[in-house]
N, C-alpha and C. Protein backbone atom coordinates (compact mmCIF):
# COMPACT_ATOMS: atom_id res chain seq x y z
N UNK A 1 0.84 -1.17 0.00
CA UNK A 1 0.00 0.00 0.00
C UNK A 1 0.89 1.24 0.00
N UNK A 2 0.49 2.24 -0.75
CA UNK A 2 1.25 3.49 -0.85
C UNK A 2 0.64 4.55 0.07
N UNK A 3 1.50 5.43 0.56
CA UNK A 3 1.06 6.54 1.39
C UNK A 3 1.43 7.84 0.69
N UNK A 4 0.46 8.74 0.59
CA UNK A 4 0.70 10.05 0.01
C UNK A 4 0.52 11.07 1.12
N UNK A 5 1.52 11.92 1.31
CA UNK A 5 1.49 12.93 2.35
C UNK A 5 1.69 14.30 1.71
N UNK A 6 0.87 15.27 2.11
CA UNK A 6 1.05 16.63 1.62
C UNK A 6 1.00 17.60 2.79
N UNK A 7 1.55 18.77 2.59
CA UNK A 7 1.47 19.83 3.59
C UNK A 7 0.72 21.00 3.01
N UNK A 8 -0.15 21.59 3.81
CA UNK A 8 -0.90 22.77 3.42
C UNK A 8 -0.55 23.91 4.35
N UNK A 9 -0.65 25.12 3.84
CA UNK A 9 -0.50 26.27 4.72
C UNK A 9 -1.76 26.37 5.57
N UNK A 10 -1.68 27.14 6.63
CA UNK A 10 -2.87 27.36 7.48
C UNK A 10 -4.01 27.92 6.63
N UNK A 11 -3.68 28.85 5.74
CA UNK A 11 -4.70 29.46 4.89
C UNK A 11 -5.34 28.43 3.96
N UNK A 12 -4.53 27.59 3.35
CA UNK A 12 -5.07 26.56 2.47
C UNK A 12 -6.00 25.62 3.23
N UNK A 13 -5.59 25.25 4.43
CA UNK A 13 -6.42 24.35 5.24
C UNK A 13 -7.75 25.03 5.61
N UNK A 14 -7.70 26.29 6.00
CA UNK A 14 -8.92 27.03 6.32
C UNK A 14 -9.84 27.09 5.12
N UNK A 15 -9.27 27.28 3.96
CA UNK A 15 -10.08 27.31 2.73
C UNK A 15 -10.75 25.97 2.48
N UNK A 16 -10.04 24.88 2.74
CA UNK A 16 -10.65 23.56 2.60
C UNK A 16 -11.73 23.34 3.65
N UNK A 17 -11.52 23.85 4.84
CA UNK A 17 -12.55 23.73 5.87
C UNK A 17 -13.82 24.47 5.46
N UNK A 18 -13.68 25.53 4.70
CA UNK A 18 -14.84 26.24 4.17
C UNK A 18 -15.58 25.38 3.15
N UNK A 19 -14.82 24.63 2.36
CA UNK A 19 -15.40 23.85 1.26
C UNK A 19 -15.91 22.48 1.69
N UNK A 20 -15.38 21.94 2.78
CA UNK A 20 -15.72 20.56 3.16
C UNK A 20 -15.79 20.44 4.68
N UNK A 21 -16.69 19.58 5.14
CA UNK A 21 -16.79 19.33 6.58
C UNK A 21 -15.48 18.76 7.10
N UNK A 22 -14.88 17.86 6.32
CA UNK A 22 -13.61 17.25 6.72
C UNK A 22 -12.64 17.33 5.55
N UNK A 23 -11.63 18.20 5.61
CA UNK A 23 -10.64 18.26 4.54
C UNK A 23 -9.97 16.90 4.28
N UNK A 24 -9.73 16.13 5.34
CA UNK A 24 -9.13 14.81 5.17
C UNK A 24 -10.04 13.90 4.34
N UNK A 25 -11.32 13.83 4.71
CA UNK A 25 -12.26 12.99 3.96
C UNK A 25 -12.39 13.46 2.52
N UNK A 26 -12.43 14.78 2.33
CA UNK A 26 -12.55 15.32 0.98
C UNK A 26 -11.33 14.92 0.15
N UNK A 27 -10.15 15.05 0.73
CA UNK A 27 -8.91 14.71 0.03
C UNK A 27 -8.86 13.23 -0.33
N UNK A 28 -9.20 12.39 0.63
CA UNK A 28 -9.22 10.95 0.37
C UNK A 28 -10.20 10.61 -0.74
N UNK A 29 -11.39 11.20 -0.69
CA UNK A 29 -12.40 10.93 -1.70
C UNK A 29 -11.92 11.36 -3.08
N UNK A 30 -11.27 12.51 -3.16
CA UNK A 30 -10.75 12.97 -4.45
C UNK A 30 -9.74 11.98 -5.03
N UNK A 31 -8.83 11.50 -4.21
CA UNK A 31 -7.82 10.55 -4.68
C UNK A 31 -8.44 9.20 -5.04
N UNK A 32 -9.33 8.71 -4.19
CA UNK A 32 -9.97 7.42 -4.46
C UNK A 32 -10.78 7.48 -5.76
N UNK A 33 -11.50 8.58 -5.96
CA UNK A 33 -12.31 8.70 -7.16
C UNK A 33 -11.44 8.81 -8.41
N UNK A 34 -10.33 9.55 -8.32
CA UNK A 34 -9.44 9.67 -9.49
C UNK A 34 -8.81 8.32 -9.82
N UNK A 35 -8.42 7.59 -8.81
CA UNK A 35 -7.86 6.25 -9.03
C UNK A 35 -8.91 5.33 -9.66
N UNK A 36 -10.15 5.41 -9.20
CA UNK A 36 -11.22 4.58 -9.75
C UNK A 36 -11.45 4.89 -11.22
N UNK A 37 -11.45 6.18 -11.56
CA UNK A 37 -11.65 6.56 -12.96
C UNK A 37 -10.51 6.04 -13.83
N UNK A 38 -9.28 6.13 -13.34
CA UNK A 38 -8.14 5.60 -14.09
C UNK A 38 -8.24 4.09 -14.23
N UNK A 39 -8.64 3.42 -13.16
CA UNK A 39 -8.81 1.96 -13.22
C UNK A 39 -9.80 1.58 -14.30
N UNK A 40 -10.93 2.27 -14.36
CA UNK A 40 -11.93 1.98 -15.38
C UNK A 40 -11.37 2.19 -16.78
N UNK A 41 -10.62 3.28 -16.97
CA UNK A 41 -10.00 3.55 -18.27
C UNK A 41 -9.00 2.46 -18.65
N UNK A 42 -8.15 2.09 -17.71
CA UNK A 42 -7.12 1.08 -17.98
C UNK A 42 -7.74 -0.25 -18.33
N UNK A 43 -8.75 -0.67 -17.58
CA UNK A 43 -9.39 -1.96 -17.86
C UNK A 43 -10.08 -1.93 -19.23
N UNK A 44 -10.71 -0.82 -19.57
CA UNK A 44 -11.35 -0.72 -20.89
C UNK A 44 -10.31 -0.84 -22.00
N UNK A 45 -9.18 -0.17 -21.85
CA UNK A 45 -8.11 -0.27 -22.85
C UNK A 45 -7.55 -1.69 -22.93
N UNK A 46 -7.41 -2.34 -21.79
CA UNK A 46 -6.91 -3.72 -21.77
C UNK A 46 -7.87 -4.66 -22.47
N UNK A 47 -9.15 -4.56 -22.17
CA UNK A 47 -10.15 -5.44 -22.79
C UNK A 47 -10.14 -5.26 -24.30
N UNK A 48 -10.09 -4.01 -24.74
CA UNK A 48 -10.04 -3.74 -26.18
C UNK A 48 -8.80 -4.36 -26.81
N UNK A 49 -7.64 -4.16 -26.18
CA UNK A 49 -6.38 -4.71 -26.69
C UNK A 49 -6.42 -6.24 -26.73
N UNK A 50 -6.87 -6.84 -25.65
CA UNK A 50 -6.89 -8.31 -25.58
C UNK A 50 -7.86 -8.90 -26.60
N UNK A 51 -9.02 -8.28 -26.77
CA UNK A 51 -9.98 -8.77 -27.75
C UNK A 51 -9.44 -8.65 -29.17
N UNK A 52 -8.76 -7.55 -29.47
CA UNK A 52 -8.21 -7.35 -30.81
C UNK A 52 -7.05 -8.31 -31.10
N UNK A 53 -6.36 -8.76 -30.06
CA UNK A 53 -5.17 -9.59 -30.24
C UNK A 53 -5.33 -11.01 -29.73
N UNK A 54 -6.57 -11.42 -29.44
CA UNK A 54 -6.86 -12.78 -28.95
C UNK A 54 -5.98 -13.16 -27.77
N UNK A 55 -5.90 -12.26 -26.79
CA UNK A 55 -5.12 -12.49 -25.57
C UNK A 55 -6.09 -12.72 -24.43
N UNK A 56 -5.83 -13.74 -23.63
CA UNK A 56 -6.68 -14.01 -22.48
C UNK A 56 -6.51 -12.90 -21.45
N UNK A 57 -7.64 -12.38 -20.96
CA UNK A 57 -7.63 -11.31 -19.97
C UNK A 57 -7.46 -11.91 -18.59
N UNK A 58 -6.60 -11.31 -17.82
CA UNK A 58 -6.35 -11.76 -16.44
C UNK A 58 -7.64 -11.66 -15.63
N UNK A 59 -7.72 -12.47 -14.58
CA UNK A 59 -8.90 -12.49 -13.71
C UNK A 59 -8.69 -11.55 -12.52
N UNK A 60 -9.65 -10.66 -12.32
CA UNK A 60 -9.60 -9.74 -11.20
C UNK A 60 -8.99 -8.41 -11.60
N UNK A 61 -9.50 -7.34 -10.98
CA UNK A 61 -9.05 -6.00 -11.35
C UNK A 61 -7.57 -5.76 -11.09
N UNK A 62 -7.05 -6.21 -9.96
CA UNK A 62 -5.63 -6.02 -9.67
C UNK A 62 -4.77 -6.68 -10.75
N UNK A 63 -5.13 -7.91 -11.12
CA UNK A 63 -4.38 -8.63 -12.14
C UNK A 63 -4.53 -7.97 -13.51
N UNK A 64 -5.69 -7.41 -13.79
CA UNK A 64 -5.91 -6.75 -15.07
C UNK A 64 -5.09 -5.46 -15.18
N UNK A 65 -4.99 -4.71 -14.10
CA UNK A 65 -4.17 -3.51 -14.12
C UNK A 65 -2.70 -3.89 -14.34
N UNK A 66 -2.24 -4.91 -13.64
CA UNK A 66 -0.87 -5.39 -13.82
C UNK A 66 -0.65 -5.84 -15.26
N UNK A 67 -1.62 -6.59 -15.81
CA UNK A 67 -1.50 -7.08 -17.18
C UNK A 67 -1.42 -5.91 -18.17
N UNK A 68 -2.21 -4.89 -17.96
CA UNK A 68 -2.20 -3.74 -18.86
C UNK A 68 -0.82 -3.08 -18.89
N UNK A 69 -0.19 -2.95 -17.73
CA UNK A 69 1.16 -2.38 -17.69
C UNK A 69 2.18 -3.35 -18.26
N UNK A 70 2.06 -4.64 -17.95
CA UNK A 70 3.01 -5.63 -18.47
C UNK A 70 2.97 -5.70 -20.00
N UNK A 71 1.77 -5.60 -20.57
CA UNK A 71 1.63 -5.65 -22.03
C UNK A 71 1.90 -4.29 -22.69
N UNK A 72 2.19 -3.30 -21.87
CA UNK A 72 2.42 -1.93 -22.31
C UNK A 72 1.22 -1.36 -23.07
N UNK A 73 0.03 -1.80 -22.66
CA UNK A 73 -1.19 -1.19 -23.16
C UNK A 73 -1.28 0.22 -22.59
N UNK A 74 -0.81 0.38 -21.37
CA UNK A 74 -0.74 1.68 -20.71
C UNK A 74 0.65 1.85 -20.11
N UNK A 75 1.00 3.11 -19.89
CA UNK A 75 2.27 3.45 -19.25
C UNK A 75 1.99 4.52 -18.21
N UNK A 76 2.90 4.68 -17.28
CA UNK A 76 2.74 5.74 -16.29
C UNK A 76 2.81 7.10 -16.98
N UNK A 77 2.25 8.10 -16.33
CA UNK A 77 2.31 9.46 -16.86
C UNK A 77 3.76 9.92 -16.99
N UNK A 78 4.61 9.52 -16.04
CA UNK A 78 6.02 9.88 -16.09
C UNK A 78 6.68 9.29 -17.34
N UNK A 79 6.38 8.04 -17.64
CA UNK A 79 6.95 7.39 -18.82
C UNK A 79 6.45 8.06 -20.10
N UNK A 80 5.15 8.38 -20.15
CA UNK A 80 4.60 9.06 -21.33
C UNK A 80 5.23 10.43 -21.52
N UNK A 81 5.44 11.16 -20.42
CA UNK A 81 6.07 12.49 -20.51
C UNK A 81 7.51 12.38 -20.99
N UNK A 82 8.24 11.39 -20.49
CA UNK A 82 9.63 11.20 -20.91
C UNK A 82 9.70 10.87 -22.40
N UNK A 83 8.80 10.02 -22.87
CA UNK A 83 8.77 9.68 -24.29
C UNK A 83 8.45 10.91 -25.14
N UNK A 84 7.50 11.72 -24.68
CA UNK A 84 7.13 12.91 -25.42
C UNK A 84 8.30 13.89 -25.46
N UNK A 85 9.05 14.00 -24.39
CA UNK A 85 10.21 14.89 -24.35
C UNK A 85 11.29 14.41 -25.31
N UNK A 86 11.50 13.09 -25.37
CA UNK A 86 12.48 12.54 -26.29
C UNK A 86 12.08 12.80 -27.74
N UNK A 87 10.78 12.66 -28.03
CA UNK A 87 10.30 12.86 -29.38
C UNK A 87 10.41 14.32 -29.82
N UNK A 88 10.28 15.25 -28.87
CA UNK A 88 10.31 16.66 -29.23
C UNK A 88 11.72 17.26 -29.20
N UNK A 89 12.72 16.48 -28.76
CA UNK A 89 14.09 16.96 -28.71
C UNK A 89 14.72 16.81 -30.08
N UNK A 90 15.21 17.92 -30.65
CA UNK A 90 15.85 17.83 -31.97
C UNK A 90 17.16 17.06 -31.89
N UNK A 91 17.44 16.37 -32.97
CA UNK A 91 18.68 15.56 -33.01
C UNK A 91 19.85 16.35 -33.44
């Protein structure tokens, strides 16, 4: 399991308290929801790839996410950014 830690200024925290009953709950919900949306996108891309290439799809969401990365159906944002930087660098 991964842990994400951030620091906010007093002002930023007060602003979040204005927007949400619990800034912690709001923050967790935002991250969980973004991860869920990415999971749905990744699985859809994997299913499409596997169907087009007659590849057996792994069982279970955790295994499917791993399979998508192993088959390079998807890459991390950092990897995509690095590739884009390499492509835009003149030779």
